[in-house]
Amino acid sequence: MPLTDELFDKFKKDRASAKTYKDLMGKDCPIKQMIKAALETMLEEEMTDYLGYSKHSPAGRNSGNSRNGSYPKTITTDNGNIPLNIPRDRNGEFEPIIVPKHESRLGEFEDIIISMYAKGMTTRDIQKHIEEIYGVQISPVLVSQITEKIQSLVLEWQNRTLEAVYPIIFFDAIHYKVRDESSKKVLPKAAYKCLGVNLEGRKDLLGLWIGEAESSTFWLNVLIEIKNRRVKVICIACAEEITDFLDKIDLAFPECQLQLCVVHQIRNSMKYVASKDQKAFARDLKSVYAAPTEEVARHNLETLEEICGKKYLLALKSWKNNWPHLSVFFKYPQEIRTMIYTTNAVEASHHQFRKVTKPNSIFPNDDALKKSLFLDYRDLSKKWTMPVRN
């Protein structure tokens, strides 16, 4: 089907009378016919280039191969289903590029499905959305097959070589519900993540790991994997829990200093403070972790204890008990300390992961959870264009 003036005239008339997008994208709409004509013209050009002579040219006589008609094929595009006539050669060796053999989807259609999957939509939600918006009927199995291609990207990303030195790595875990494939039971799973800051001050998620529950043994496996991926030095490891993590990181990176996550420490303290006092308590607490030196910080903590100690003993007790690991960052410049106690990147990734995975209250398996988090990380990392300030 050639691109004719009649097609363009028909498109202008339909566009003038159309009231909705569906009016323009009906079964025999001119847009689909124009796409069909353009694709078939490109396929004919591919065949001409492959054979080395134009259609009906005498140069094709006794050339050893020639055109042999065409065969019908319906492809799925972001504009709906389009029937095509695919040219073929007599030797059966022609491999189209624009519409590859054994492929029934074209253009950005797969990207649209993957994008929906990355936003937390289930396979059946995607199926329904595609049918409503594009008028294309697809099965949940097809959606799963398309998203399965992500797995190879995840594997490549998870095993990439890392940098040799990271001044800071934030170790954290988020918990989800995942259906166990063998027992079919819904189990709590921990998604372990390591957010590193390199020597240039740029953020990078080093990997994602799915485990039964957050444990020191699993963290040791994560640390060993990071070391095997060429990481030689971690200056500061920032973690939520110290007790189980301390021995494990010493085994993998003995020179690393462990800093208790200040953000989690603040949150844990606020659990024991009445809501009417939280604003004032948080302001006084900031005078501790944002102090210019450890000596001043310790003095401010003692002062706060004298003022609020009787009323909020439990809120301050953990600060005193964990002080050796809460005060590590005072050995470093103010810029590094600020980055540790604000952890904007950690909070942003947490918020993004929670927001996108919220529609999937239960994931069908570990791979589905990991693919969803990986796609979400890809979107989030596009915002990490600038290094950490100062």
Protein backbone atom coordinates (compact mmCIF):
# COMPACT_ATOMS: atom_id res chain seq x y z
CA MET A 1 0.00 0.00 0.00
CA PRO A 2 1.69 3.26 -1.11
CA LEU A 3 1.43 6.61 0.69
CA THR A 4 -0.98 8.43 -1.62
CA ASP A 5 -2.56 11.88 -1.70
CA GLU A 6 -5.93 10.18 -1.16
CA LEU A 7 -4.72 8.87 2.21
CA PHE A 8 -3.63 12.33 3.34
CA ASP A 9 -6.92 13.87 2.16
CA LYS A 10 -8.88 11.22 4.07
CA PHE A 11 -6.82 11.92 7.18
CA LYS A 12 -7.60 15.66 6.96
CA LYS A 13 -11.33 14.95 6.66
CA ASP A 14 -11.33 12.49 9.58
CA ARG A 15 -9.32 14.88 11.72
CA ALA A 16 -11.82 17.66 11.06
CA SER A 17 -14.78 15.49 12.06
CA ALA A 18 -13.13 13.59 14.94
CA LYS A 19 -14.30 14.41 18.45
CA THR A 20 -12.16 11.93 20.39
CA TYR A 21 -8.85 10.09 20.02
CA LYS A 22 -10.75 6.87 19.29
CA ASP A 23 -12.46 8.53 16.32
CA LEU A 24 -9.04 8.97 14.73
CA MET A 25 -7.78 5.52 15.71
CA GLY A 26 -10.69 3.33 14.56
CA LYS A 27 -10.36 0.09 12.63
CA ASP A 28 -9.83 1.61 9.17
CA CYS A 29 -8.60 5.02 10.28
CA PRO A 30 -6.20 6.87 7.95
CA ILE A 31 -3.46 7.04 10.62
CA LYS A 32 -3.20 3.25 10.77
CA GLN A 33 -3.34 3.07 6.98
CA MET A 34 -0.52 5.62 6.77
CA ILE A 35 1.57 3.62 9.26
CA LYS A 36 0.81 0.45 7.28
CA ALA A 37 1.80 2.13 4.02
CA ALA A 38 5.01 3.54 5.50
CA LEU A 39 6.07 0.19 6.99
CA GLU A 40 5.31 -1.76 3.82
CA THR A 41 7.26 0.80 1.76
CA MET A 42 10.23 0.42 4.13
CA LEU A 43 9.99 -3.36 3.91
CA GLU A 44 10.06 -3.19 0.11
CA GLU A 45 13.12 -0.93 0.31
CA GLU A 46 14.78 -3.46 2.62
CA MET A 47 14.06 -6.23 0.12
CA THR A 48 15.49 -4.11 -2.72
CA ASP A 49 18.65 -3.47 -0.72
CA TYR A 50 18.93 -7.17 0.17
CA LEU A 51 18.50 -8.46 -3.40
CA GLY A 52 20.50 -5.66 -4.98
CA TYR A 53 17.92 -4.64 -7.59
CA SER A 54 14.54 -2.88 -7.75
CA LYS A 55 11.20 -4.56 -8.22
CA HIS A 56 10.58 -5.63 -11.86
CA SER A 57 14.17 -4.71 -12.76
CA PRO A 58 15.78 -6.90 -15.47
CA ALA A 59 18.89 -7.00 -13.26
CA GLY A 60 17.19 -9.68 -11.22
CA ARG A 61 17.09 -12.25 -14.01
CA ASN A 62 19.25 -15.28 -13.28
CA SER A 63 20.52 -13.59 -10.11
CA GLY A 64 19.99 -16.70 -8.00
CA ASN A 65 17.27 -15.13 -5.86
CA SER A 66 14.15 -13.04 -6.47
CA ARG A 67 10.97 -11.77 -4.86
CA ASN A 68 8.35 -14.35 -4.04
CA GLY A 69 5.22 -12.41 -3.14
CA SER A 70 4.36 -11.68 0.49
CA TYR A 71 2.72 -13.16 3.57
CA PRO A 72 0.27 -11.54 6.01
CA LYS A 73 1.31 -10.58 9.53
CA THR A 74 -0.45 -8.52 12.20
CA ILE A 75 1.76 -6.46 14.47
CA THR A 76 0.92 -4.73 17.73
CA THR A 77 1.97 -1.09 18.01
CA ASP A 78 1.19 1.77 20.37
CA ASN A 79 -1.47 2.73 17.79
CA GLY A 80 -3.22 -0.64 17.91
CA ASN A 81 -3.05 -3.75 15.70
CA ILE A 82 -1.92 -3.20 12.10
CA PRO A 83 -2.08 -5.91 9.39
CA LEU A 84 0.96 -5.96 7.08
CA ASN A 85 2.07 -7.75 3.93
CA ILE A 86 5.66 -8.85 4.53
CA PRO A 87 7.69 -9.41 1.32
CA ARG A 88 9.64 -12.65 1.00
CA ASP A 89 12.34 -13.98 -1.30
CA ARG A 90 12.39 -17.26 -3.16
CA ASN A 91 15.32 -18.62 -1.14
CA GLY A 92 13.63 -17.76 2.16
CA GLU A 93 16.71 -15.94 3.45
CA PHE A 94 15.38 -12.37 3.75
CA GLU A 95 15.45 -11.10 7.37
CA PRO A 96 13.46 -7.83 7.76
CA ILE A 97 14.89 -5.26 10.16
CA ILE A 98 11.95 -2.91 10.65
CA VAL A 99 9.61 -5.83 11.43
CA PRO A 100 11.86 -8.71 12.56
CA LYS A 101 10.84 -12.32 12.10
CA HIS A 102 9.01 -13.93 15.03
CA GLU A 103 8.27 -10.47 16.49
CA SER A 104 4.67 -9.34 16.75
CA ARG A 105 5.27 -6.11 18.68
CA LEU A 106 6.75 -2.96 17.24
CA GLY A 107 7.95 0.47 18.31
CA GLU A 108 7.60 1.68 21.88
CA PHE A 109 4.85 -0.77 22.80
CA GLU A 110 7.13 -2.89 24.98
CA ASP A 111 8.59 0.25 26.57
CA ILE A 112 5.07 1.36 27.49
CA ILE A 113 4.36 -1.97 29.21
CA ILE A 114 7.70 -1.90 31.05
CA SER A 115 7.06 1.70 32.13
CA MET A 116 3.65 0.72 33.55
CA TYR A 117 5.25 -2.22 35.33
CA ALA A 118 7.88 0.12 36.80
CA LYS A 119 5.11 2.34 38.18
CA GLY A 120 3.79 -0.58 40.23
CA MET A 121 0.91 -1.73 38.00
CA THR A 122 0.09 -5.44 38.06
CA THR A 123 0.06 -7.52 34.86
CA ARG A 124 -3.74 -7.57 34.81
CA ASP A 125 -3.91 -3.80 35.40
CA ILE A 126 -1.55 -3.32 32.44
CA GLN A 127 -3.66 -5.66 30.29
CA LYS A 128 -6.81 -3.68 31.07
CA HIS A 129 -5.11 -0.30 30.56
CA ILE A 130 -3.64 -1.29 27.17
CA GLU A 131 -7.04 -2.50 25.97
CA GLU A 132 -8.85 0.66 27.14
CA ILE A 133 -6.31 3.18 25.84
CA TYR A 134 -4.91 1.51 22.72
CA GLY A 135 -7.68 -0.90 21.80
CA VAL A 136 -5.26 -3.84 21.82
CA GLN A 137 -6.14 -7.10 23.53
CA ILE A 138 -3.17 -8.76 25.23
CA SER A 139 -2.95 -11.50 27.83
CA PRO A 140 -1.32 -11.23 31.27
CA VAL A 141 1.05 -13.97 30.06
CA LEU A 142 2.28 -11.68 27.26
CA VAL A 143 2.86 -8.87 29.76
CA SER A 144 4.86 -11.26 31.94
CA GLN A 145 6.94 -12.34 28.93
CA ILE A 146 7.78 -8.73 28.11
CA THR A 147 8.69 -7.82 31.69
CA GLU A 148 10.75 -11.02 31.96
CA LYS A 149 13.27 -9.39 29.61
CA ILE A 150 14.12 -7.04 32.47
CA GLN A 151 15.67 -9.94 34.39
CA SER A 152 18.77 -10.00 32.18
CA LEU A 153 19.23 -6.24 32.76
CA VAL A 154 18.94 -6.76 36.51
CA LEU A 155 21.52 -9.57 36.42
CA GLU A 156 23.99 -7.47 34.43
CA TRP A 157 23.52 -4.45 36.71
CA GLN A 158 23.78 -6.51 39.91
CA ASN A 159 27.11 -8.02 38.79
CA ARG A 160 28.78 -4.89 37.38
CA THR A 161 32.24 -3.92 38.64
CA LEU A 162 32.10 -1.29 41.38
CA GLU A 163 34.57 1.45 42.25
CA ALA A 164 37.53 0.65 44.50
CA VAL A 165 36.82 3.30 47.16
CA TYR A 166 33.58 4.56 48.69
CA PRO A 167 33.86 7.21 51.43
CA ILE A 168 30.33 6.38 52.64
CA ILE A 169 27.90 3.52 52.09
CA PHE A 170 24.42 3.52 53.63
CA PHE A 171 23.20 0.01 54.44
CA ASP A 172 19.46 -0.35 54.83
CA ALA A 173 16.53 -2.69 54.20
CA ILE A 174 12.86 -2.28 53.30
CA HIS A 175 10.33 -4.99 54.09
CA TYR A 176 7.71 -6.40 51.72
CA LYS A 177 5.28 -9.29 51.50
CA VAL A 178 6.21 -11.93 48.92
CA ARG A 179 4.50 -15.19 48.02
CA ASP A 180 6.80 -18.19 48.43
CA GLU A 181 6.81 -20.23 45.21
CA SER A 182 7.20 -23.61 46.93
CA SER A 183 4.84 -23.29 49.90
CA LYS A 184 2.53 -20.67 48.29
CA LYS A 185 2.51 -18.86 51.63
CA VAL A 186 2.91 -15.09 51.90
CA LEU A 187 6.14 -14.36 53.77
CA PRO A 188 7.79 -11.14 54.94
CA LYS A 189 10.91 -10.46 52.88
CA ALA A 190 13.64 -7.86 53.27
CA ALA A 191 14.98 -5.95 50.27
CA TYR A 192 18.56 -5.11 51.22
CA LYS A 193 20.05 -2.05 49.53
CA CYS A 194 23.45 -0.35 49.65
CA LEU A 195 23.58 3.29 48.63
CA GLY A 196 27.15 4.43 48.06
CA VAL A 197 28.74 7.86 47.65
CA ASN A 198 31.91 7.78 45.55
CA LEU A 199 35.00 10.00 45.67
CA GLU A 200 33.34 12.50 43.33
CA GLY A 201 30.38 12.80 45.69
CA ARG A 202 27.98 11.02 43.32
CA LYS A 203 25.34 8.62 44.60
CA ASP A 204 24.94 5.09 43.29
CA LEU A 205 22.87 2.11 44.38
CA LEU A 206 25.41 -0.73 44.53
CA GLY A 207 22.86 -3.53 44.48
CA LEU A 208 19.57 -5.04 45.62
CA TRP A 209 19.24 -8.32 47.49
CA ILE A 210 16.08 -10.14 48.60
CA GLY A 211 16.24 -12.18 51.82
CA GLU A 212 13.89 -13.97 54.21
CA ALA A 213 14.33 -11.33 56.91
CA GLU A 214 16.90 -8.74 57.87
CA SER A 215 19.77 -10.59 59.55
CA SER A 216 23.50 -10.22 60.20
CA THR A 217 24.25 -13.42 58.27
CA PHE A 218 22.60 -12.09 55.14
CA TRP A 219 24.40 -8.77 55.50
CA LEU A 220 27.70 -10.68 55.60
CA ASN A 221 26.84 -12.28 52.23
CA VAL A 222 26.08 -8.81 50.84
CA LEU A 223 29.40 -7.44 52.11
CA ILE A 224 31.35 -10.35 50.62
CA GLU A 225 29.64 -9.84 47.26
CA ILE A 226 30.50 -6.13 47.31
CA LYS A 227 34.12 -7.00 48.04
CA ASN A 228 34.17 -9.54 45.19
CA ARG A 229 32.99 -6.78 42.87
CA ARG A 230 36.33 -4.97 43.39
CA VAL A 231 35.46 -2.67 46.33
CA LYS A 232 38.62 -2.36 48.44
CA VAL A 233 37.89 0.47 50.88
CA ILE A 234 34.76 1.68 52.69
CA CYS A 235 35.58 4.60 55.00
CA ILE A 236 32.23 4.90 56.79
CA ALA A 237 29.42 2.35 56.86
CA CYS A 238 26.15 3.89 58.00
CA ALA A 239 23.61 1.37 59.31
CA GLU A 240 20.42 1.32 61.35
CA GLU A 241 21.51 -1.45 63.73
CA ILE A 242 25.02 -1.81 65.13
CA THR A 243 25.01 -4.96 67.29
CA ASP A 244 24.73 -7.59 64.56
CA PHE A 245 26.38 -5.53 61.84
CA LEU A 246 29.63 -4.70 63.65
CA ASP A 247 31.24 -8.16 63.62
CA LYS A 248 30.20 -8.82 60.03
CA ILE A 249 31.67 -5.68 58.49
CA ASP A 250 34.93 -6.25 60.38
CA LEU A 251 35.28 -9.57 58.56
CA ALA A 252 34.94 -8.00 55.12
CA PHE A 253 36.30 -4.47 55.65
CA PRO A 254 38.31 -4.38 58.90
CA GLU A 255 39.39 -0.72 58.52
CA CYS A 256 35.83 0.54 58.01
CA GLN A 257 34.29 2.72 60.73
CA LEU A 258 30.67 2.06 61.62
CA GLN A 259 28.30 4.99 62.11
CA LEU A 260 24.84 4.46 63.53
CA CYS A 261 22.24 6.07 61.27
CA VAL A 262 21.28 9.36 62.93
CA VAL A 263 17.97 9.58 61.06
CA HIS A 264 16.80 6.23 62.45
CA GLN A 265 18.08 7.20 65.90
CA ILE A 266 16.01 10.40 65.84
CA ARG A 267 12.90 8.49 64.74
CA ASN A 268 13.32 5.91 67.48
CA SER A 269 13.66 8.67 70.08
CA MET A 270 10.52 10.45 68.88
CA LYS A 271 8.45 7.34 69.62
CA TYR A 272 8.80 8.13 73.33
CA VAL A 273 8.00 11.85 73.07
CA ALA A 274 4.48 13.27 73.33
CA SER A 275 3.29 14.87 70.10
CA LYS A 276 2.91 18.30 71.72
CA ASP A 277 6.59 18.24 72.75
CA GLN A 278 8.11 16.72 69.61
CA LYS A 279 8.90 19.98 67.81
CA ALA A 280 10.79 21.46 70.77
CA PHE A 281 12.49 18.14 71.56
CA ALA A 282 13.65 17.74 67.94
CA ARG A 283 15.12 21.26 68.01
CA ASP A 284 17.04 20.51 71.22
CA LEU A 285 18.17 17.16 69.84
CA LYS A 286 19.60 18.86 66.76
CA SER A 287 21.97 20.78 69.01
CA VAL A 288 23.52 17.37 69.78
CA TYR A 289 24.06 15.78 66.36
CA ALA A 290 24.67 19.11 64.57
CA ALA A 291 27.20 20.35 67.14
CA PRO A 292 30.58 21.57 65.79
CA THR A 293 32.60 19.08 67.89
CA GLU A 294 32.03 15.87 69.81
CA GLU A 295 32.81 17.65 73.07
CA VAL A 296 30.07 20.22 72.48
CA ALA A 297 27.68 17.47 71.36
CA ARG A 298 28.25 15.49 74.55
CA HIS A 299 27.75 18.63 76.66
CA ASN A 300 24.47 19.43 74.86
CA LEU A 301 23.29 15.85 75.37
CA GLU A 302 23.97 16.09 79.11
CA THR A 303 22.13 19.43 79.24
CA LEU A 304 19.15 17.94 77.41
CA GLU A 305 19.16 15.02 79.82
CA GLU A 306 19.03 17.39 82.79
CA ILE A 307 16.04 19.21 81.28
CA CYS A 308 14.04 16.28 79.86
CA GLY A 309 15.69 13.25 81.45
CA LYS A 310 12.94 12.47 83.94
CA LYS A 311 10.11 12.93 81.45
CA TYR A 312 11.76 11.31 78.43
CA LEU A 313 14.31 8.92 79.90
CA LEU A 314 13.80 6.25 77.21
CA ALA A 315 14.13 8.78 74.38
CA LEU A 316 17.62 9.78 75.57
CA LYS A 317 18.82 6.45 76.94
CA SER A 318 19.65 5.02 73.50
CA TRP A 319 21.73 8.12 72.67
CA LYS A 320 23.95 7.49 75.70
CA ASN A 321 24.17 3.74 75.12
CA ASN A 322 25.00 4.11 71.41
CA TRP A 323 27.23 7.18 71.69
CA PRO A 324 30.48 5.42 70.57
CA HIS A 325 28.86 4.69 67.18
CA LEU A 326 26.73 7.83 67.01
CA SER A 327 29.76 10.10 67.41
CA VAL A 328 32.03 8.57 64.73
CA PHE A 329 31.14 11.24 62.16
CA PHE A 330 32.54 14.03 64.39
CA LYS A 331 36.00 12.93 63.17
CA TYR A 332 35.13 14.19 59.69
CA PRO A 333 34.49 17.63 58.12
CA GLN A 334 31.12 19.32 58.50
CA GLU A 335 30.10 18.54 54.89
CA ILE A 336 30.40 14.77 55.46
CA ARG A 337 28.67 14.98 58.83
CA THR A 338 25.74 16.90 57.33
CA MET A 339 25.38 14.28 54.61
CA ILE A 340 25.24 11.51 57.23
CA TYR A 341 22.63 13.03 59.53
CA THR A 342 20.37 14.30 56.74
CA THR A 343 20.65 11.27 54.36
CA ASN A 344 18.35 12.92 51.80
CA ALA A 345 19.30 10.34 49.16
CA VAL A 346 18.40 7.45 51.47
CA GLU A 347 15.07 9.02 52.37
CA ALA A 348 14.31 9.80 48.72
CA SER A 349 14.97 6.22 47.63
CA HIS A 350 12.86 4.89 50.51
CA HIS A 351 9.98 7.19 49.61
CA GLN A 352 10.18 6.31 45.92
CA PHE A 353 10.34 2.56 46.53
CA ARG A 354 7.38 2.73 48.89
CA LYS A 355 5.32 4.87 46.52
CA VAL A 356 5.81 2.66 43.48
CA THR A 357 5.49 -0.71 45.20
CA LYS A 358 2.41 0.29 47.20
CA PRO A 359 -0.10 -1.01 44.59
CA ASN A 360 1.55 -4.44 44.87
CA SER A 361 0.78 -5.28 48.48
CA ILE A 362 1.92 -8.85 47.78
CA PHE A 363 4.56 -9.73 45.17
CA PRO A 364 4.22 -13.11 43.38
CA ASN A 365 7.93 -13.97 43.85
CA ASP A 366 11.36 -12.55 44.68
CA ASP A 367 12.17 -11.79 41.04
CA ALA A 368 9.02 -9.70 40.63
CA LEU A 369 9.97 -7.60 43.66
CA LYS A 370 13.56 -7.17 42.47
CA LYS A 371 12.50 -6.20 38.93
CA SER A 372 10.07 -3.63 40.28
CA LEU A 373 12.70 -2.08 42.58
CA PHE A 374 15.32 -2.09 39.81
CA LEU A 375 13.04 -0.26 37.36
CA ASP A 376 12.17 2.22 40.07
CA TYR A 377 15.86 2.77 40.80
CA ARG A 378 16.49 3.48 37.09
CA ASP A 379 13.93 6.29 37.19
CA LEU A 380 15.27 7.61 40.50
CA SER A 381 18.92 7.57 39.36
CA LYS A 382 18.08 9.94 36.48
CA LYS A 383 17.62 12.63 39.13
CA TRP A 384 21.08 11.94 40.61
CA THR A 385 22.83 14.12 38.06
CA MET A 386 24.73 16.31 40.51
CA PRO A 387 27.27 15.29 43.17
CA VAL A 388 26.49 15.71 46.85
CA ARG A 389 26.81 19.38 47.78
CA ASN A 390 30.28 20.40 49.04
